[in-house]
PDB file of N, CA and C in Angstrom:
ATOM      1  N   UNK A   1       9.935  16.817  -9.784  1.00  0.00           N
ATOM      2  CA  UNK A   1      10.396  15.785 -10.702  1.00  0.00           C
ATOM      3  C   UNK A   1       9.464  14.609 -10.606  1.00  0.00           C
ATOM      4  N   UNK A   2       9.020  14.093 -11.745  1.00  0.00           N
ATOM      5  CA  UNK A   2       8.085  12.996 -11.750  1.00  0.00           C
ATOM      6  C   UNK A   2       8.733  11.633 -11.719  1.00  0.00           C
ATOM      7  N   UNK A   3       7.882  10.623 -11.703  1.00  0.00           N
ATOM      8  CA  UNK A   3       8.340   9.287 -11.679  1.00  0.00           C
ATOM      9  C   UNK A   3       8.457   8.725 -13.122  1.00  0.00           C
ATOM     10  N   UNK A   4       9.309   7.765 -13.266  1.00  0.00           N
ATOM     11  CA  UNK A   4       9.359   7.065 -14.529  1.00  0.00           C
ATOM     12  C   UNK A   4       8.228   5.982 -14.482  1.00  0.00           C
ATOM     13  N   UNK A   5       7.943   5.442 -15.651  1.00  0.00           N
ATOM     14  CA  UNK A   5       6.941   4.373 -15.684  1.00  0.00           C
ATOM     15  C   UNK A   5       7.389   3.202 -14.836  1.00  0.00           C
ATOM     16  N   UNK A   6       8.665   2.823 -14.834  1.00  0.00           N
ATOM     17  CA  UNK A   6       9.149   1.744 -14.021  1.00  0.00           C
ATOM     18  C   UNK A   6       8.979   1.997 -12.522  1.00  0.00           C
ATOM     19  N   UNK A   7       9.249   3.227 -12.103  1.00  0.00           N
ATOM     20  CA  UNK A   7       9.087   3.564 -10.710  1.00  0.00           C
ATOM     21  C   UNK A   7       7.632   3.497 -10.301  1.00  0.00           C
ATOM     22  N   UNK A   8       6.744   3.999 -11.180  1.00  0.00           N
ATOM     23  CA  UNK A   8       5.302   3.969 -10.881  1.00  0.00           C
ATOM     24  C   UNK A   8       4.805   2.521 -10.810  1.00  0.00           C
ATOM     25  N   UNK A   9       5.278   1.663 -11.720  1.00  0.00           N
ATOM     26  CA  UNK A   9       4.876   0.252 -11.698  1.00  0.00           C
ATOM     27  C   UNK A   9       5.362  -0.427 -10.447  1.00  0.00           C
ATOM     28  N   UNK A  10       6.569  -0.095  -9.984  1.00  0.00           N
ATOM     29  CA  UNK A  10       7.101  -0.694  -8.730  1.00  0.00           C
ATOM     30  C   UNK A  10       6.220  -0.264  -7.555  1.00  0.00           C
ATOM     31  N   UNK A  11       5.812   1.005  -7.525  1.00  0.00           N
ATOM     32  CA  UNK A  11       4.965   1.489  -6.451  1.00  0.00           C
ATOM     33  C   UNK A  11       3.664   0.697  -6.437  1.00  0.00           C
ATOM     34  N   UNK A  12       3.079   0.525  -7.615  1.00  0.00           N
ATOM     35  CA  UNK A  12       1.825  -0.221  -7.726  1.00  0.00           C
ATOM     36  C   UNK A  12       1.967  -1.647  -7.256  1.00  0.00           C
ATOM     37  N   UNK A  13       3.107  -2.237  -7.571  1.00  0.00           N
ATOM     38  CA  UNK A  13       3.394  -3.627  -7.131  1.00  0.00           C
ATOM     39  C   UNK A  13       3.391  -3.735  -5.624  1.00  0.00           C
ATOM     40  N   UNK A  14       4.023  -2.737  -4.966  1.00  0.00           N
ATOM     41  CA  UNK A  14       4.065  -2.698  -3.494  1.00  0.00           C
ATOM     42  C   UNK A  14       2.634  -2.638  -2.913  1.00  0.00           C
ATOM     43  N   UNK A  15       1.804  -1.764  -3.488  1.00  0.00           N
ATOM     44  CA  UNK A  15       0.487  -1.596  -2.998  1.00  0.00           C
ATOM     45  C   UNK A  15      -0.336  -2.889  -3.242  1.00  0.00           C
ATOM     46  N   UNK A  16      -0.209  -3.428  -4.405  1.00  0.00           N
ATOM     47  CA  UNK A  16      -0.913  -4.655  -4.767  1.00  0.00           C
ATOM     48  C   UNK A  16      -0.506  -5.799  -3.837  1.00  0.00           C
ATOM     49  N   UNK A  17       0.775  -5.915  -3.537  1.00  0.00           N
ATOM     50  CA  UNK A  17       1.270  -6.961  -2.642  1.00  0.00           C
ATOM     51  C   UNK A  17       0.657  -6.766  -1.237  1.00  0.00           C
ATOM     52  N   UNK A  18       0.579  -5.539  -0.781  1.00  0.00           N
ATOM     53  CA  UNK A  18      -0.025  -5.240   0.536  1.00  0.00           C
ATOM     54  C   UNK A  18      -1.500  -5.638   0.583  1.00  0.00           C
ATOM     55  N   UNK A  19      -2.205  -5.346  -0.507  1.00  0.00           N
ATOM     56  CA  UNK A  19      -3.615  -5.623  -0.566  1.00  0.00           C
ATOM     57  C   UNK A  19      -3.835  -7.149  -0.613  1.00  0.00           C
ATOM     58  N   UNK A  20      -2.987  -7.855  -1.384  1.00  0.00           N
ATOM     59  CA  UNK A  20      -3.093  -9.339  -1.438  1.00  0.00           C
ATOM     60  C   UNK A  20      -2.846  -9.932  -0.063  1.00  0.00           C
ATOM     61  N   UNK A  21      -1.915  -9.375   0.663  1.00  0.00           N
ATOM     62  CA  UNK A  21      -1.623  -9.816   2.010  1.00  0.00           C
ATOM     63  C   UNK A  21      -2.848  -9.622   2.934  1.00  0.00           C
ATOM     64  N   UNK A  22      -3.530  -8.565   2.690  1.00  0.00           N
ATOM     65  CA  UNK A  22      -4.755  -8.268   3.477  1.00  0.00           C
ATOM     66  C   UNK A  22      -5.831  -9.340   3.267  1.00  0.00           C
ATOM     67  N   UNK A  23      -5.913  -9.862   2.041  1.00  0.00           N
ATOM     68  CA  UNK A  23      -6.939 -10.847   1.768  1.00  0.00           C
ATOM     69  C   UNK A  23      -6.745 -12.131   2.569  1.00  0.00           C
ATOM     70  N   UNK A  24      -5.539 -12.428   2.940  1.00  0.00           N
ATOM     71  CA  UNK A  24      -5.274 -13.632   3.665  1.00  0.00           C
ATOM     72  C   UNK A  24      -5.320 -13.472   5.183  1.00  0.00           C
ATOM     73  N   UNK A  25      -5.395 -12.227   5.626  1.00  0.00           N
ATOM     74  CA  UNK A  25      -5.385 -11.985   7.077  1.00  0.00           C
ATOM     75  C   UNK A  25      -6.765 -12.298   7.654  1.00  0.00           C
ATOM     76  N   UNK A  26      -6.719 -13.124   8.727  1.00  0.00           N
ATOM     77  CA  UNK A  26      -7.982 -13.564   9.325  1.00  0.00           C
ATOM     78  C   UNK A  26      -8.261 -12.768  10.614  1.00  0.00           C
ATOM     79  N   UNK A  27      -7.229 -12.271  11.254  1.00  0.00           N
ATOM     80  CA  UNK A  27      -7.456 -11.529  12.528  1.00  0.00           C
ATOM     81  C   UNK A  27      -7.896 -10.099  12.152  1.00  0.00           C
ATOM     82  N   UNK A  28      -9.096  -9.759  12.590  1.00  0.00           N
ATOM     83  CA  UNK A  28      -9.696  -8.464  12.248  1.00  0.00           C
ATOM     84  C   UNK A  28      -8.874  -7.258  12.729  1.00  0.00           C
ATOM     85  N   UNK A  29      -8.260  -7.362  13.906  1.00  0.00           N
ATOM     86  CA  UNK A  29      -7.434  -6.279  14.417  1.00  0.00           C
ATOM     87  C   UNK A  29      -6.208  -6.077  13.548  1.00  0.00           C
ATOM     88  N   UNK A  30      -5.561  -7.157  13.206  1.00  0.00           N
ATOM     89  CA  UNK A  30      -4.381  -7.086  12.339  1.00  0.00           C
ATOM     90  C   UNK A  30      -4.791  -6.517  10.943  1.00  0.00           C
ATOM     91  N   UNK A  31      -5.916  -6.953  10.461  1.00  0.00           N
ATOM     92  CA  UNK A  31      -6.404  -6.502   9.177  1.00  0.00           C
ATOM     93  C   UNK A  31      -6.642  -4.994   9.173  1.00  0.00           C
ATOM     94  N   UNK A  32      -7.277  -4.536  10.263  1.00  0.00           N
ATOM     95  CA  UNK A  32      -7.569  -3.083  10.371  1.00  0.00           C
ATOM     96  C   UNK A  32      -6.286  -2.270  10.451  1.00  0.00           C
ATOM     97  N   UNK A  33      -5.307  -2.837  11.194  1.00  0.00           N
ATOM     98  CA  UNK A  33      -4.009  -2.169  11.295  1.00  0.00           C
ATOM     99  C   UNK A  33      -3.296  -2.046   9.958  1.00  0.00           C
ATOM    100  N   UNK A  34      -3.345  -3.134   9.160  1.00  0.00           N
ATOM    101  CA  UNK A  34      -2.720  -3.156   7.863  1.00  0.00           C
ATOM    102  C   UNK A  34      -3.428  -2.153   6.940  1.00  0.00           C
ATOM    103  N   UNK A  35      -4.734  -2.110   7.011  1.00  0.00           N
ATOM    104  CA  UNK A  35      -5.464  -1.154   6.154  1.00  0.00           C
ATOM    105  C   UNK A  35      -5.017   0.274   6.529  1.00  0.00           C
ATOM    106  N   UNK A  36      -4.922   0.569   7.826  1.00  0.00           N
ATOM    107  CA  UNK A  36      -4.515   1.912   8.253  1.00  0.00           C
ATOM    108  C   UNK A  36      -3.103   2.250   7.774  1.00  0.00           C
ATOM    109  N   UNK A  37      -2.215   1.225   7.757  1.00  0.00           N
ATOM    110  CA  UNK A  37      -0.855   1.448   7.305  1.00  0.00           C
ATOM    111  C   UNK A  37      -0.820   1.744   5.791  1.00  0.00           C
ATOM    112  N   UNK A  38      -1.625   1.017   5.005  1.00  0.00           N
ATOM    113  CA  UNK A  38      -1.679   1.269   3.598  1.00  0.00           C
ATOM    114  C   UNK A  38      -2.222   2.644   3.336  1.00  0.00           C
ATOM    115  N   UNK A  39      -3.274   3.010   4.031  1.00  0.00           N
ATOM    116  CA  UNK A  39      -3.868   4.353   3.854  1.00  0.00           C
ATOM    117  C   UNK A  39      -2.865   5.433   4.242  1.00  0.00           C
ATOM    118  N   UNK A  40      -2.160   5.213   5.318  1.00  0.00           N
ATOM    119  CA  UNK A  40      -1.112   6.201   5.771  1.00  0.00           C
ATOM    120  C   UNK A  40      -0.013   6.352   4.716  1.00  0.00           C
ATOM    121  N   UNK A  41       0.453   5.228   4.230  1.00  0.00           N
ATOM    122  CA  UNK A  41       1.490   5.280   3.168  1.00  0.00           C
ATOM    123  C   UNK A  41       1.034   5.962   1.915  1.00  0.00           C
ATOM    124  N   UNK A  42      -0.194   5.701   1.501  1.00  0.00           N
ATOM    125  CA  UNK A  42      -0.736   6.362   0.325  1.00  0.00           C
ATOM    126  C   UNK A  42      -0.854   7.901   0.577  1.00  0.00           C
ATOM    127  N   UNK A  43      -1.326   8.231   1.749  1.00  0.00           N
ATOM    128  CA  UNK A  43      -1.476   9.687   2.084  1.00  0.00           C
ATOM    129  C   UNK A  43      -0.142  10.368   2.095  1.00  0.00           C
ATOM    130  N   UNK A  44       0.889   9.720   2.681  1.00  0.00           N
ATOM    131  CA  UNK A  44       2.258  10.318   2.687  1.00  0.00           C
ATOM    132  C   UNK A  44       2.787  10.489   1.253  1.00  0.00           C
ATOM    133  N   UNK A  45       2.443   9.529   0.433  1.00  0.00           N
ATOM    134  CA  UNK A  45       2.933   9.618  -0.978  1.00  0.00           C
ATOM    135  C   UNK A  45       2.307  10.750  -1.648  1.00  0.00           C
ATOM    136  N   UNK A  46       1.019  11.042  -1.411  1.00  0.00           N
ATOM    137  CA  UNK A  46       0.324  12.176  -2.032  1.00  0.00           C
ATOM    138  C   UNK A  46       0.930  13.528  -1.545  1.00  0.00           C
ATOM    139  N   UNK A  47       1.377  13.522  -0.288  1.00  0.00           N
ATOM    140  CA  UNK A  47       1.883  14.748   0.287  1.00  0.00           C
ATOM    141  C   UNK A  47       3.328  15.063  -0.085  1.00  0.00           C
ATOM    142  N   UNK A  48       4.018  14.070  -0.612  1.00  0.00           N
ATOM    143  CA  UNK A  48       5.451  14.296  -0.973  1.00  0.00           C
ATOM    144  C   UNK A  48       5.554  15.087  -2.217  1.00  0.00           C
TER     145      UNK A  48
END
């Protein structure tokens, strides 16, 4: 079963919010951890 347009837009909003948060992170270790978390979440989404 696929997503509705609204569900897809909500998913994109979450990803966009995470990326915007990355822009403000100054600690390189925290930034790297956040990038890994985003990548992991995207990979899990693809596997579902």
